[in-house]
Amino acid sequence: MSTTILHADELLRHPVYTRVLHWMVAIFFVLALLSGFAIYTPWLFRWMTPAFGGGAETRLLHPWFSLGFVIAFGFQLINWLHAMIWTADDTRWMKRVNEYASNAQAREPDDVDFFNGGQKLYFWTIVASAVLFLLSGLALWFPEISGRTTVAIAYVVHDLAALVMLVGFIVHVYEGTAAAPGTFRSTTRGTVEKRWAWTLHPAWYRRATAGEQSRSAAKAR
C-alpha cells in the first residue's frame, strides 16, 4: 500500500517510505543486538544462539545484521537530514529540557517544529554511535587485516557504541509510547491527531494546516 488514509482530525506525519525505513532500522538493530549478546555474553550463549541456528551461524549473521542496520539508518539519515538540522530554537529547547521531562507544561513552545531539540540530539548521537559501531565492527570482522592492537581497541569501542545505542533505543521506545500517547501510531499508520501535533510540535502543526486554513478562508469569502 503506497498511500496513507487520512481522517478529518488527522495529519500525515510519516509517509510510507519513512515508516518502512524506521522499521528496517529497528528490526536490524534488534537482530544485531540479540546476536551480539549471544556472542559476547557466555551465560546467554546457549540460550540465544539456537534462535539464529547455532553458535557458528550467530557469529556469521551478526556482522550482516549490523551492516543492515547501518545501511538502513544511513538512508534514514538522508531522509531526515534537513529536518534534523540544529537551530537556535533547539538550543532554547535544551535549556528547558527539565520542564519537558517533568511535564511542567501541557504544551510545547510555539517554535518547536517537526522534531524538538531532544529528538535531534538523540538522532545525532545515534549517527555518531553508528559510525563508531561500523568502523569498530569492520576491524573485528577482518582481524587479520586490522592487527591485534586495533582489534583490542575496536572491542571496547564497539561495545560502548552498542551500549549507547541500546540506552537510546530504550528511551526512544519510552518516548514514543508511554511518554507521549499517540506517537507510536505515526510509525504504523503514519498519522497523528491534530491535537497531538498542536500540543507537541506547534510550529509543524501551523505549517501542516496552513493549506487547510487558506482553503477555509477562501470558502468564507
N, C-alpha and C. Protein backbone atom coordinates (compact mmCIF):
# COMPACT_ATOMS: atom_id res chain seq x y z
N MET A 1 0.85 -1.19 0.00
CA MET A 1 0.00 0.00 0.00
C MET A 1 0.88 1.24 0.00
N SER A 2 0.72 2.11 -0.99
CA SER A 2 1.63 3.24 -1.16
C SER A 2 1.04 4.56 -0.68
N THR A 3 -0.20 4.54 -0.19
CA THR A 3 -0.82 5.77 0.29
C THR A 3 -1.27 5.59 1.73
N THR A 4 -1.46 6.70 2.40
CA THR A 4 -1.90 6.69 3.80
C THR A 4 -3.27 7.35 3.88
N ILE A 5 -4.22 6.68 4.49
CA ILE A 5 -5.58 7.21 4.61
C ILE A 5 -5.63 8.20 5.76
N LEU A 6 -6.12 9.39 5.48
CA LEU A 6 -6.23 10.45 6.48
C LEU A 6 -7.69 10.69 6.84
N HIS A 7 -7.95 10.87 8.13
CA HIS A 7 -9.28 11.25 8.59
C HIS A 7 -9.29 12.75 8.88
N ALA A 8 -10.46 13.28 9.13
CA ALA A 8 -10.62 14.73 9.26
C ALA A 8 -9.79 15.33 10.39
N ASP A 9 -9.60 14.58 11.46
CA ASP A 9 -8.90 15.11 12.63
C ASP A 9 -7.43 14.70 12.65
N GLU A 10 -6.87 14.26 11.51
CA GLU A 10 -5.50 13.75 11.47
C GLU A 10 -4.61 14.53 10.51
N LEU A 11 -3.30 14.39 10.76
CA LEU A 11 -2.28 14.93 9.87
C LEU A 11 -1.32 13.81 9.51
N LEU A 12 -0.79 13.86 8.30
CA LEU A 12 0.22 12.88 7.90
C LEU A 12 1.56 13.30 8.50
N ARG A 13 2.13 12.43 9.31
CA ARG A 13 3.42 12.73 9.94
C ARG A 13 4.55 11.99 9.22
N HIS A 14 4.38 10.69 8.99
CA HIS A 14 5.41 9.91 8.34
C HIS A 14 4.83 9.15 7.16
N PRO A 15 5.27 9.43 5.92
CA PRO A 15 4.80 8.69 4.75
C PRO A 15 5.31 7.25 4.78
N VAL A 16 4.83 6.44 3.85
CA VAL A 16 5.15 5.01 3.83
C VAL A 16 6.66 4.78 3.79
N TYR A 17 7.38 5.50 2.94
CA TYR A 17 8.82 5.30 2.81
C TYR A 17 9.53 5.49 4.15
N THR A 18 9.18 6.53 4.86
CA THR A 18 9.81 6.80 6.16
C THR A 18 9.50 5.71 7.15
N ARG A 19 8.27 5.22 7.15
CA ARG A 19 7.88 4.17 8.08
C ARG A 19 8.60 2.86 7.78
N VAL A 20 8.75 2.54 6.52
CA VAL A 20 9.47 1.32 6.14
C VAL A 20 10.92 1.41 6.61
N LEU A 21 11.55 2.56 6.38
CA LEU A 21 12.93 2.74 6.84
C LEU A 21 13.02 2.62 8.36
N HIS A 22 12.09 3.23 9.05
CA HIS A 22 12.09 3.20 10.51
C HIS A 22 12.06 1.77 11.03
N TRP A 23 11.19 0.94 10.46
CA TRP A 23 11.07 -0.43 10.94
C TRP A 23 12.23 -1.30 10.49
N MET A 24 12.81 -0.99 9.34
CA MET A 24 14.02 -1.70 8.93
C MET A 24 15.16 -1.42 9.91
N VAL A 25 15.32 -0.16 10.28
CA VAL A 25 16.34 0.20 11.26
C VAL A 25 16.11 -0.53 12.58
N ALA A 26 14.85 -0.52 13.04
CA ALA A 26 14.52 -1.15 14.32
C ALA A 26 14.77 -2.66 14.28
N ILE A 27 14.32 -3.31 13.22
CA ILE A 27 14.46 -4.77 13.12
C ILE A 27 15.92 -5.19 13.05
N PHE A 28 16.69 -4.52 12.20
CA PHE A 28 18.11 -4.87 12.09
C PHE A 28 18.85 -4.58 13.39
N PHE A 29 18.46 -3.49 14.08
CA PHE A 29 19.13 -3.17 15.35
C PHE A 29 18.87 -4.25 16.38
N VAL A 30 17.62 -4.67 16.50
CA VAL A 30 17.27 -5.70 17.49
C VAL A 30 17.98 -7.02 17.16
N LEU A 31 18.02 -7.39 15.88
CA LEU A 31 18.71 -8.61 15.49
C LEU A 31 20.21 -8.53 15.78
N ALA A 32 20.81 -7.37 15.48
CA ALA A 32 22.24 -7.19 15.77
C ALA A 32 22.48 -7.22 17.28
N LEU A 33 21.57 -6.59 18.03
CA LEU A 33 21.72 -6.55 19.49
C LEU A 33 21.64 -7.95 20.09
N LEU A 34 20.61 -8.71 19.71
CA LEU A 34 20.43 -10.04 20.29
C LEU A 34 21.54 -11.00 19.88
N SER A 35 21.93 -10.96 18.62
CA SER A 35 23.02 -11.83 18.19
C SER A 35 24.33 -11.42 18.85
N GLY A 36 24.51 -10.11 19.06
CA GLY A 36 25.71 -9.64 19.75
C GLY A 36 25.74 -10.09 21.19
N PHE A 37 24.59 -10.01 21.88
CA PHE A 37 24.50 -10.51 23.25
C PHE A 37 24.83 -12.01 23.29
N ALA A 38 24.31 -12.73 22.33
CA ALA A 38 24.54 -14.18 22.30
C ALA A 38 26.02 -14.51 22.16
N ILE A 39 26.73 -13.69 21.40
CA ILE A 39 28.16 -13.93 21.15
C ILE A 39 29.02 -13.51 22.34
N TYR A 40 28.73 -12.31 22.88
CA TYR A 40 29.63 -11.72 23.86
C TYR A 40 29.26 -12.01 25.31
N THR A 41 28.11 -12.61 25.54
CA THR A 41 27.70 -12.90 26.91
C THR A 41 27.60 -14.42 27.08
N PRO A 42 28.60 -15.04 27.65
CA PRO A 42 28.64 -16.51 27.74
C PRO A 42 27.40 -17.15 28.37
N TRP A 43 26.85 -16.53 29.41
CA TRP A 43 25.72 -17.17 30.09
C TRP A 43 24.44 -17.11 29.26
N LEU A 44 24.42 -16.26 28.23
CA LEU A 44 23.28 -16.22 27.32
C LEU A 44 23.51 -17.03 26.06
N PHE A 45 24.76 -17.42 25.84
CA PHE A 45 25.14 -18.03 24.57
C PHE A 45 24.27 -19.25 24.22
N ARG A 46 24.15 -20.17 25.15
CA ARG A 46 23.43 -21.41 24.84
C ARG A 46 21.93 -21.22 24.75
N TRP A 47 21.44 -20.10 25.33
CA TRP A 47 20.00 -19.84 25.30
C TRP A 47 19.57 -19.10 24.02
N MET A 48 20.43 -18.25 23.51
CA MET A 48 20.03 -17.39 22.41
C MET A 48 20.51 -17.84 21.04
N THR A 49 21.67 -18.50 20.99
CA THR A 49 22.20 -18.88 19.68
C THR A 49 21.31 -19.84 18.89
N PRO A 50 20.53 -20.73 19.55
CA PRO A 50 19.65 -21.60 18.76
C PRO A 50 18.65 -20.82 17.90
N ALA A 51 18.27 -19.63 18.35
CA ALA A 51 17.32 -18.82 17.58
C ALA A 51 17.92 -18.38 16.25
N PHE A 52 19.25 -18.36 16.18
CA PHE A 52 19.93 -17.96 14.95
C PHE A 52 20.54 -19.14 14.21
N GLY A 53 20.26 -20.35 14.69
CA GLY A 53 20.75 -21.54 14.00
C GLY A 53 21.99 -22.16 14.62
N GLY A 54 22.43 -21.64 15.79
CA GLY A 54 23.62 -22.17 16.45
C GLY A 54 24.71 -21.13 16.60
N GLY A 55 25.77 -21.50 17.31
CA GLY A 55 26.85 -20.55 17.60
C GLY A 55 27.55 -20.04 16.37
N ALA A 56 27.91 -20.96 15.46
CA ALA A 56 28.63 -20.56 14.25
C ALA A 56 27.78 -19.65 13.38
N GLU A 57 26.50 -19.99 13.24
CA GLU A 57 25.61 -19.18 12.42
C GLU A 57 25.39 -17.80 13.04
N THR A 58 25.35 -17.75 14.37
CA THR A 58 25.17 -16.46 15.05
C THR A 58 26.35 -15.54 14.77
N ARG A 59 27.56 -16.09 14.84
CA ARG A 59 28.76 -15.30 14.55
C ARG A 59 28.78 -14.86 13.09
N LEU A 60 28.24 -15.69 12.23
CA LEU A 60 28.19 -15.35 10.81
C LEU A 60 27.17 -14.25 10.54
N LEU A 61 26.02 -14.33 11.18
CA LEU A 61 24.92 -13.41 10.90
C LEU A 61 25.09 -12.05 11.56
N HIS A 62 25.73 -12.02 12.73
CA HIS A 62 25.82 -10.77 13.49
C HIS A 62 26.38 -9.60 12.67
N PRO A 63 27.51 -9.73 12.00
CA PRO A 63 28.01 -8.58 11.24
C PRO A 63 27.08 -8.17 10.10
N TRP A 64 26.35 -9.14 9.53
CA TRP A 64 25.41 -8.79 8.45
C TRP A 64 24.20 -8.06 9.00
N PHE A 65 23.71 -8.47 10.17
CA PHE A 65 22.63 -7.73 10.82
C PHE A 65 23.09 -6.29 11.12
N SER A 66 24.30 -6.17 11.63
CA SER A 66 24.84 -4.86 11.97
C SER A 66 24.99 -3.98 10.73
N LEU A 67 25.47 -4.58 9.65
CA LEU A 67 25.63 -3.84 8.40
C LEU A 67 24.27 -3.41 7.86
N GLY A 68 23.27 -4.29 7.98
CA GLY A 68 21.92 -3.93 7.55
C GLY A 68 21.39 -2.75 8.34
N PHE A 69 21.66 -2.73 9.65
CA PHE A 69 21.25 -1.60 10.49
C PHE A 69 21.90 -0.31 10.03
N VAL A 70 23.20 -0.35 9.80
CA VAL A 70 23.94 0.85 9.41
C VAL A 70 23.44 1.37 8.06
N ILE A 71 23.21 0.48 7.11
CA ILE A 71 22.75 0.89 5.79
C ILE A 71 21.35 1.50 5.87
N ALA A 72 20.44 0.83 6.58
CA ALA A 72 19.08 1.35 6.72
C ALA A 72 19.09 2.70 7.43
N PHE A 73 19.92 2.82 8.46
CA PHE A 73 19.99 4.09 9.19
C PHE A 73 20.61 5.17 8.32
N GLY A 74 21.53 4.78 7.43
CA GLY A 74 22.11 5.74 6.50
C GLY A 74 21.05 6.35 5.59
N PHE A 75 20.14 5.52 5.10
CA PHE A 75 19.04 6.02 4.28
C PHE A 75 18.11 6.92 5.10
N GLN A 76 17.92 6.56 6.38
CA GLN A 76 17.09 7.41 7.24
C GLN A 76 17.77 8.75 7.50
N LEU A 77 19.09 8.73 7.60
CA LEU A 77 19.84 9.97 7.76
C LEU A 77 19.60 10.90 6.57
N ILE A 78 19.69 10.35 5.37
CA ILE A 78 19.45 11.14 4.17
C ILE A 78 18.00 11.65 4.15
N ASN A 79 17.09 10.79 4.56
CA ASN A 79 15.66 11.13 4.55
C ASN A 79 15.33 12.27 5.50
N TRP A 80 16.01 12.29 6.66
CA TRP A 80 15.68 13.28 7.69
C TRP A 80 16.73 14.38 7.85
N LEU A 81 17.70 14.42 6.97
CA LEU A 81 18.82 15.34 7.16
C LEU A 81 18.36 16.79 7.32
N HIS A 82 17.48 17.25 6.45
CA HIS A 82 17.03 18.64 6.52
C HIS A 82 16.26 18.90 7.82
N ALA A 83 15.39 17.97 8.19
CA ALA A 83 14.58 18.15 9.40
C ALA A 83 15.41 18.09 10.67
N MET A 84 16.60 17.48 10.60
CA MET A 84 17.44 17.31 11.79
C MET A 84 18.50 18.40 11.94
N ILE A 85 18.51 19.37 11.07
CA ILE A 85 19.48 20.46 11.20
C ILE A 85 19.22 21.23 12.49
N TRP A 86 20.28 21.44 13.26
CA TRP A 86 20.16 22.12 14.56
C TRP A 86 19.93 23.61 14.36
N THR A 87 19.03 24.19 15.15
CA THR A 87 18.71 25.61 15.06
C THR A 87 18.77 26.25 16.45
N ALA A 88 18.63 27.56 16.46
CA ALA A 88 18.61 28.28 17.74
C ALA A 88 17.41 27.87 18.57
N ASP A 89 16.31 27.50 17.92
CA ASP A 89 15.13 27.03 18.65
C ASP A 89 15.45 25.77 19.44
N ASP A 90 16.28 24.90 18.87
CA ASP A 90 16.66 23.67 19.55
C ASP A 90 17.53 23.95 20.77
N THR A 91 18.39 24.94 20.65
CA THR A 91 19.23 25.33 21.79
C THR A 91 18.36 25.84 22.93
N ARG A 92 17.34 26.64 22.59
CA ARG A 92 16.41 27.12 23.62
C ARG A 92 15.64 25.96 24.23
N TRP A 93 15.28 24.99 23.41
CA TRP A 93 14.54 23.83 23.92
C TRP A 93 15.38 23.06 24.93
N MET A 94 16.66 22.89 24.64
CA MET A 94 17.52 22.14 25.53
C MET A 94 17.67 22.82 26.89
N LYS A 95 17.56 24.13 26.92
CA LYS A 95 17.68 24.86 28.18
C LYS A 95 16.48 24.60 29.10
N ARG A 96 15.39 24.12 28.52
CA ARG A 96 14.21 23.83 29.32
C ARG A 96 13.87 22.34 29.29
N VAL A 97 14.88 21.50 29.08
CA VAL A 97 14.64 20.07 28.97
C VAL A 97 14.06 19.50 30.26
N ASN A 98 14.43 20.07 31.40
CA ASN A 98 13.89 19.58 32.67
C ASN A 98 12.38 19.78 32.74
N GLU A 99 11.90 20.90 32.19
CA GLU A 99 10.47 21.15 32.17
C GLU A 99 9.76 20.13 31.30
N TYR A 100 10.40 19.76 30.18
CA TYR A 100 9.82 18.76 29.29
C TYR A 100 9.76 17.41 29.98
N ALA A 101 10.86 17.03 30.63
CA ALA A 101 10.93 15.72 31.29
C ALA A 101 9.93 15.59 32.43
N SER A 102 9.64 16.70 33.10
CA SER A 102 8.72 16.67 34.24
C SER A 102 7.28 17.02 33.85
N ASN A 103 7.05 17.25 32.54
CA ASN A 103 5.72 17.63 32.05
C ASN A 103 5.18 18.85 32.77
N ALA A 104 6.07 19.82 32.97
CA ALA A 104 5.68 21.04 33.69
C ALA A 104 4.68 21.87 32.88
N GLN A 105 4.74 21.76 31.56
CA GLN A 105 3.82 22.50 30.71
C GLN A 105 3.02 21.53 29.85
N ALA A 106 1.75 21.82 29.67
CA ALA A 106 0.88 20.93 28.91
C ALA A 106 1.15 21.00 27.41
N ARG A 107 1.77 22.11 26.97
CA ARG A 107 2.01 22.30 25.54
C ARG A 107 3.43 22.79 25.31
N GLU A 108 4.04 22.32 24.24
CA GLU A 108 5.39 22.73 23.89
C GLU A 108 5.39 24.18 23.39
N PRO A 109 6.54 24.86 23.47
CA PRO A 109 6.64 26.24 22.97
C PRO A 109 6.29 26.32 21.48
N ASP A 110 5.85 27.50 21.05
CA ASP A 110 5.39 27.69 19.67
C ASP A 110 6.46 27.43 18.62
N ASP A 111 7.75 27.49 18.99
CA ASP A 111 8.81 27.32 17.99
C ASP A 111 9.25 25.87 17.80
N VAL A 112 8.63 24.91 18.50
CA VAL A 112 9.00 23.50 18.33
C VAL A 112 8.44 23.00 17.01
N ASP A 113 9.33 22.56 16.13
CA ASP A 113 8.93 22.18 14.77
C ASP A 113 8.74 20.67 14.66
N PHE A 114 9.06 20.09 13.50
CA PHE A 114 8.80 18.68 13.25
C PHE A 114 9.49 17.78 14.28
N PHE A 115 10.72 18.13 14.66
CA PHE A 115 11.43 17.45 15.75
C PHE A 115 11.86 18.48 16.77
N ASN A 116 11.85 18.11 18.06
CA ASN A 116 12.34 19.02 19.08
C ASN A 116 13.84 18.80 19.30
N GLY A 117 14.43 19.62 20.14
CA GLY A 117 15.87 19.54 20.37
C GLY A 117 16.32 18.20 20.92
N GLY A 118 15.53 17.61 21.79
CA GLY A 118 15.88 16.31 22.36
C GLY A 118 15.89 15.22 21.31
N GLN A 119 14.93 15.24 20.41
CA GLN A 119 14.88 14.24 19.34
C GLN A 119 16.07 14.40 18.40
N LYS A 120 16.45 15.63 18.13
CA LYS A 120 17.60 15.87 17.26
C LYS A 120 18.89 15.43 17.92
N LEU A 121 19.02 15.73 19.22
CA LEU A 121 20.22 15.30 19.95
C LEU A 121 20.33 13.78 19.95
N TYR A 122 19.22 13.11 20.18
CA TYR A 122 19.20 11.65 20.15
C TYR A 122 19.62 11.14 18.77
N PHE A 123 19.08 11.74 17.73
CA PHE A 123 19.37 11.31 16.36
C PHE A 123 20.86 11.42 16.06
N TRP A 124 21.46 12.58 16.37
CA TRP A 124 22.87 12.77 16.04
C TRP A 124 23.79 11.94 16.94
N THR A 125 23.32 11.62 18.14
CA THR A 125 24.08 10.71 18.99
C THR A 125 24.12 9.31 18.37
N ILE A 126 22.98 8.89 17.82
CA ILE A 126 22.92 7.59 17.15
C ILE A 126 23.76 7.60 15.89
N VAL A 127 23.78 8.72 15.17
CA VAL A 127 24.62 8.82 13.97
C VAL A 127 26.08 8.60 14.35
N ALA A 128 26.56 9.31 15.37
CA ALA A 128 27.95 9.18 15.80
C ALA A 128 28.24 7.77 16.29
N SER A 129 27.30 7.20 17.05
CA SER A 129 27.49 5.84 17.57
C SER A 129 27.51 4.82 16.44
N ALA A 130 26.64 5.02 15.43
CA ALA A 130 26.59 4.09 14.30
C ALA A 130 27.89 4.11 13.50
N VAL A 131 28.49 5.29 13.36
CA VAL A 131 29.76 5.40 12.65
C VAL A 131 30.84 4.62 13.40
N LEU A 132 30.91 4.82 14.72
CA LEU A 132 31.89 4.10 15.54
C LEU A 132 31.59 2.60 15.52
N PHE A 133 30.32 2.26 15.55
CA PHE A 133 29.88 0.87 15.52
C PHE A 133 30.33 0.20 14.22
N LEU A 134 30.19 0.92 13.11
CA LEU A 134 30.58 0.38 11.82
C LEU A 134 32.10 0.21 11.71
N LEU A 135 32.84 1.26 12.07
CA LEU A 135 34.29 1.20 11.94
C LEU A 135 34.90 0.14 12.84
N SER A 136 34.44 0.08 14.08
CA SER A 136 34.96 -0.93 15.00
C SER A 136 34.51 -2.33 14.57
N GLY A 137 33.29 -2.43 14.04
CA GLY A 137 32.79 -3.72 13.59
C GLY A 137 33.59 -4.27 12.43
N LEU A 138 33.99 -3.39 11.51
CA LEU A 138 34.80 -3.82 10.38
C LEU A 138 36.16 -4.35 10.85
N ALA A 139 36.72 -3.68 11.86
CA ALA A 139 38.00 -4.13 12.41
C ALA A 139 37.87 -5.52 13.04
N LEU A 140 36.74 -5.76 13.70
CA LEU A 140 36.50 -7.08 14.31
C LEU A 140 36.15 -8.13 13.27
N TRP A 141 35.54 -7.70 12.18
CA TRP A 141 35.14 -8.62 11.13
C TRP A 141 36.35 -9.14 10.36
N PHE A 142 37.34 -8.27 10.24
CA PHE A 142 38.55 -8.64 9.49
C PHE A 142 39.79 -8.44 10.37
N PRO A 143 39.92 -9.24 11.43
CA PRO A 143 41.03 -9.06 12.39
C PRO A 143 42.41 -9.27 11.78
N GLU A 144 42.49 -10.13 10.75
CA GLU A 144 43.79 -10.40 10.16
C GLU A 144 44.34 -9.19 9.42
N ILE A 145 43.47 -8.30 9.00
CA ILE A 145 43.89 -7.07 8.33
C ILE A 145 44.11 -5.96 9.34
N SER A 146 43.27 -5.93 10.38
CA SER A 146 43.28 -4.82 11.33
C SER A 146 44.49 -4.82 12.26
N GLY A 147 44.92 -5.97 12.70
CA GLY A 147 46.03 -6.03 13.65
C GLY A 147 45.54 -6.17 15.08
N ARG A 148 46.36 -6.72 15.94
CA ARG A 148 45.96 -7.04 17.31
C ARG A 148 45.57 -5.81 18.11
N THR A 149 46.38 -4.74 18.03
CA THR A 149 46.08 -3.53 18.81
C THR A 149 44.77 -2.90 18.38
N THR A 150 44.58 -2.79 17.09
CA THR A 150 43.35 -2.19 16.57
C THR A 150 42.13 -3.01 16.98
N VAL A 151 42.25 -4.32 16.93
CA VAL A 151 41.14 -5.19 17.32
C VAL A 151 40.80 -5.02 18.80
N ALA A 152 41.84 -4.91 19.63
CA ALA A 152 41.62 -4.73 21.07
C ALA A 152 40.86 -3.43 21.34
N ILE A 153 41.25 -2.36 20.66
CA ILE A 153 40.57 -1.08 20.81
C ILE A 153 39.14 -1.17 20.24
N ALA A 154 39.01 -1.86 19.12
CA ALA A 154 37.72 -1.99 18.45
C ALA A 154 36.69 -2.69 19.34
N TYR A 155 37.14 -3.68 20.12
CA TYR A 155 36.23 -4.37 21.03
C TYR A 155 35.58 -3.38 22.00
N VAL A 156 36.41 -2.52 22.57
CA VAL A 156 35.91 -1.54 23.55
C VAL A 156 34.98 -0.54 22.88
N VAL A 157 35.41 0.00 21.75
CA VAL A 157 34.61 1.00 21.04
C VAL A 157 33.28 0.40 20.59
N HIS A 158 33.33 -0.82 20.06
CA HIS A 158 32.13 -1.49 19.57
C HIS A 158 31.11 -1.69 20.68
N ASP A 159 31.60 -2.14 21.84
CA ASP A 159 30.71 -2.37 22.97
C ASP A 159 30.12 -1.07 23.50
N LEU A 160 30.95 -0.03 23.58
CA LEU A 160 30.45 1.26 24.08
C LEU A 160 29.42 1.86 23.12
N ALA A 161 29.70 1.77 21.82
CA ALA A 161 28.75 2.30 20.84
C ALA A 161 27.43 1.55 20.91
N ALA A 162 27.51 0.24 21.05
CA ALA A 162 26.29 -0.57 21.15
C ALA A 162 25.52 -0.23 22.42
N LEU A 163 26.25 0.02 23.52
CA LEU A 163 25.60 0.36 24.78
C LEU A 163 24.88 1.70 24.68
N VAL A 164 25.52 2.68 24.06
CA VAL A 164 24.89 3.99 23.88
C VAL A 164 23.63 3.85 23.04
N MET A 165 23.70 3.07 21.98
CA MET A 165 22.53 2.88 21.12
C MET A 165 21.42 2.11 21.84
N LEU A 166 21.80 1.17 22.69
CA LEU A 166 20.80 0.42 23.46
C LEU A 166 20.05 1.34 24.42
N VAL A 167 20.80 2.17 25.16
CA VAL A 167 20.16 3.12 26.08
C VAL A 167 19.26 4.08 25.29
N GLY A 168 19.77 4.57 24.16
CA GLY A 168 18.98 5.46 23.33
C GLY A 168 17.73 4.77 22.80
N PHE A 169 17.85 3.51 22.45
CA PHE A 169 16.71 2.73 21.95
C PHE A 169 15.63 2.60 23.01
N ILE A 170 16.03 2.32 24.25
CA ILE A 170 15.07 2.19 25.35
C ILE A 170 14.34 3.51 25.58
N VAL A 171 15.10 4.62 25.61
CA VAL A 171 14.50 5.94 25.80
C VAL A 171 13.57 6.26 24.63
N HIS A 172 14.00 5.92 23.42
CA HIS A 172 13.21 6.18 22.23
C HIS A 172 11.87 5.45 22.29
N VAL A 173 11.89 4.19 22.69
CA VAL A 173 10.65 3.41 22.80
C VAL A 173 9.73 4.02 23.85
N TYR A 174 10.32 4.42 25.00
CA TYR A 174 9.50 5.03 26.05
C TYR A 174 8.88 6.34 25.58
N GLU A 175 9.68 7.19 24.94
CA GLU A 175 9.18 8.48 24.49
C GLU A 175 8.12 8.32 23.39
N GLY A 176 8.23 7.24 22.63
CA GLY A 176 7.29 7.03 21.55
C GLY A 176 6.03 6.29 21.95
N THR A 177 5.95 5.89 23.21
CA THR A 177 4.77 5.14 23.67
C THR A 177 4.18 5.79 24.93
N ALA A 178 4.70 5.40 26.09
CA ALA A 178 4.11 5.85 27.35
C ALA A 178 4.24 7.35 27.58
N ALA A 179 5.36 7.94 27.19
CA ALA A 179 5.59 9.36 27.47
C ALA A 179 4.73 10.28 26.62
N ALA A 180 4.41 9.85 25.42
CA ALA A 180 3.62 10.69 24.51
C ALA A 180 2.62 9.83 23.76
N PRO A 181 1.50 9.48 24.40
CA PRO A 181 0.49 8.65 23.74
C PRO A 181 0.06 9.25 22.40
N GLY A 182 -0.07 8.41 21.41
CA GLY A 182 -0.44 8.87 20.08
C GLY A 182 0.74 8.96 19.14
N THR A 183 1.95 8.86 19.70
CA THR A 183 3.16 8.94 18.87
C THR A 183 3.40 7.65 18.10
N PHE A 184 3.18 6.52 18.77
CA PHE A 184 3.52 5.24 18.15
C PHE A 184 2.77 5.00 16.85
N ARG A 185 1.53 5.44 16.79
CA ARG A 185 0.76 5.16 15.58
C ARG A 185 1.29 5.92 14.37
N SER A 186 2.10 6.95 14.61
CA SER A 186 2.71 7.65 13.47
C SER A 186 3.73 6.77 12.77
N THR A 187 4.24 5.74 13.47
CA THR A 187 5.20 4.82 12.88
C THR A 187 4.52 3.61 12.26
N THR A 188 3.22 3.46 12.49
CA THR A 188 2.48 2.34 11.92
C THR A 188 1.49 2.85 10.86
N ARG A 189 0.57 3.71 11.27
CA ARG A 189 -0.40 4.27 10.33
C ARG A 189 0.14 5.49 9.59
N GLY A 190 1.12 6.14 10.22
CA GLY A 190 1.71 7.33 9.60
C GLY A 190 1.03 8.63 9.96
N THR A 191 -0.05 8.56 10.73
CA THR A 191 -0.82 9.76 11.05
C THR A 191 -0.79 10.07 12.55
N VAL A 192 -1.08 11.31 12.87
CA VAL A 192 -1.24 11.75 14.26
C VAL A 192 -2.48 12.62 14.34
N GLU A 193 -3.05 12.71 15.53
CA GLU A 193 -4.19 13.59 15.72
C GLU A 193 -3.71 15.05 15.68
N LYS A 194 -4.56 15.92 15.19
CA LYS A 194 -4.18 17.33 15.11
C LYS A 194 -3.89 17.89 16.50
N ARG A 195 -4.62 17.43 17.49
CA ARG A 195 -4.37 17.91 18.86
C ARG A 195 -2.97 17.50 19.32
N TRP A 196 -2.55 16.29 18.96
CA TRP A 196 -1.20 15.83 19.30
C TRP A 196 -0.17 16.76 18.67
N ALA A 197 -0.34 17.06 17.39
CA ALA A 197 0.61 17.93 16.68
C ALA A 197 0.60 19.33 17.28
N TRP A 198 -0.57 19.86 17.58
CA TRP A 198 -0.69 21.20 18.15
C TRP A 198 -0.03 21.27 19.53
N THR A 199 -0.09 20.18 20.28
CA THR A 199 0.47 20.13 21.64
C THR A 199 1.98 19.95 21.65
N LEU A 200 2.49 19.05 20.81
CA LEU A 200 3.91 18.67 20.89
C LEU A 200 4.79 19.33 19.84
N HIS A 201 4.21 19.73 18.71
CA HIS A 201 5.01 20.31 17.63
C HIS A 201 4.24 21.47 16.98
N PRO A 202 4.03 22.54 17.75
CA PRO A 202 3.18 23.65 17.29
C PRO A 202 3.61 24.28 15.96
N ALA A 203 4.91 24.47 15.76
CA ALA A 203 5.38 25.11 14.52
C ALA A 203 5.07 24.21 13.32
N TRP A 204 5.28 22.92 13.48
CA TRP A 204 4.94 22.00 12.39
C TRP A 204 3.44 21.96 12.17
N TYR A 205 2.68 21.99 13.24
CA TYR A 205 1.21 21.98 13.12
C TYR A 205 0.73 23.17 12.30
N ARG A 206 1.27 24.35 12.57
CA ARG A 206 0.84 25.54 11.82
C ARG A 206 1.18 25.39 10.34
N ARG A 207 2.35 24.85 10.06
CA ARG A 207 2.75 24.69 8.66
C ARG A 207 1.92 23.61 7.97
N ALA A 208 1.65 22.51 8.69
CA ALA A 208 0.91 21.41 8.09
C ALA A 208 -0.55 21.75 7.84
N THR A 209 -1.09 22.67 8.63
CA THR A 209 -2.50 23.04 8.47
C THR A 209 -2.68 24.35 7.73
N ALA A 210 -1.60 24.95 7.27
CA ALA A 210 -1.69 26.24 6.58
C ALA A 210 -2.58 26.14 5.34
N GLY A 211 -2.45 25.03 4.60
CA GLY A 211 -3.26 24.86 3.40
C GLY A 211 -4.73 24.76 3.72
N GLU A 212 -5.06 24.05 4.81
CA GLU A 212 -6.45 23.92 5.20
C GLU A 212 -7.03 25.27 5.60
N GLN A 213 -6.24 26.06 6.32
CA GLN A 213 -6.71 27.36 6.75
C GLN A 213 -6.93 28.29 5.55
N SER A 214 -6.05 28.19 4.55
CA SER A 214 -6.19 29.02 3.36
C SER A 214 -7.45 28.65 2.59
N ARG A 215 -7.71 27.34 2.50
CA ARG A 215 -8.91 26.90 1.79
C ARG A 215 -10.17 27.32 2.53
N SER A 216 -10.13 27.25 3.87
CA SER A 216 -11.30 27.65 4.66
C SER A 216 -11.57 29.14 4.50
N ALA A 217 -10.47 29.93 4.48
CA ALA A 217 -10.62 31.38 4.31
C ALA A 217 -11.20 31.71 2.95
N ALA A 218 -10.76 30.96 1.92
CA ALA A 218 -11.25 31.21 0.55
C ALA A 218 -12.74 30.88 0.46
N LYS A 219 -13.18 29.83 1.11
CA LYS A 219 -14.60 29.45 1.07
C LYS A 219 -15.46 30.47 1.80
N ALA A 220 -14.86 31.10 2.83
CA ALA A 220 -15.62 32.07 3.63
C ALA A 220 -15.85 33.39 2.90
N ARG A 221 -15.11 33.63 1.83
CA ARG A 221 -15.25 34.89 1.11
C ARG A 221 -16.51 34.91 0.25
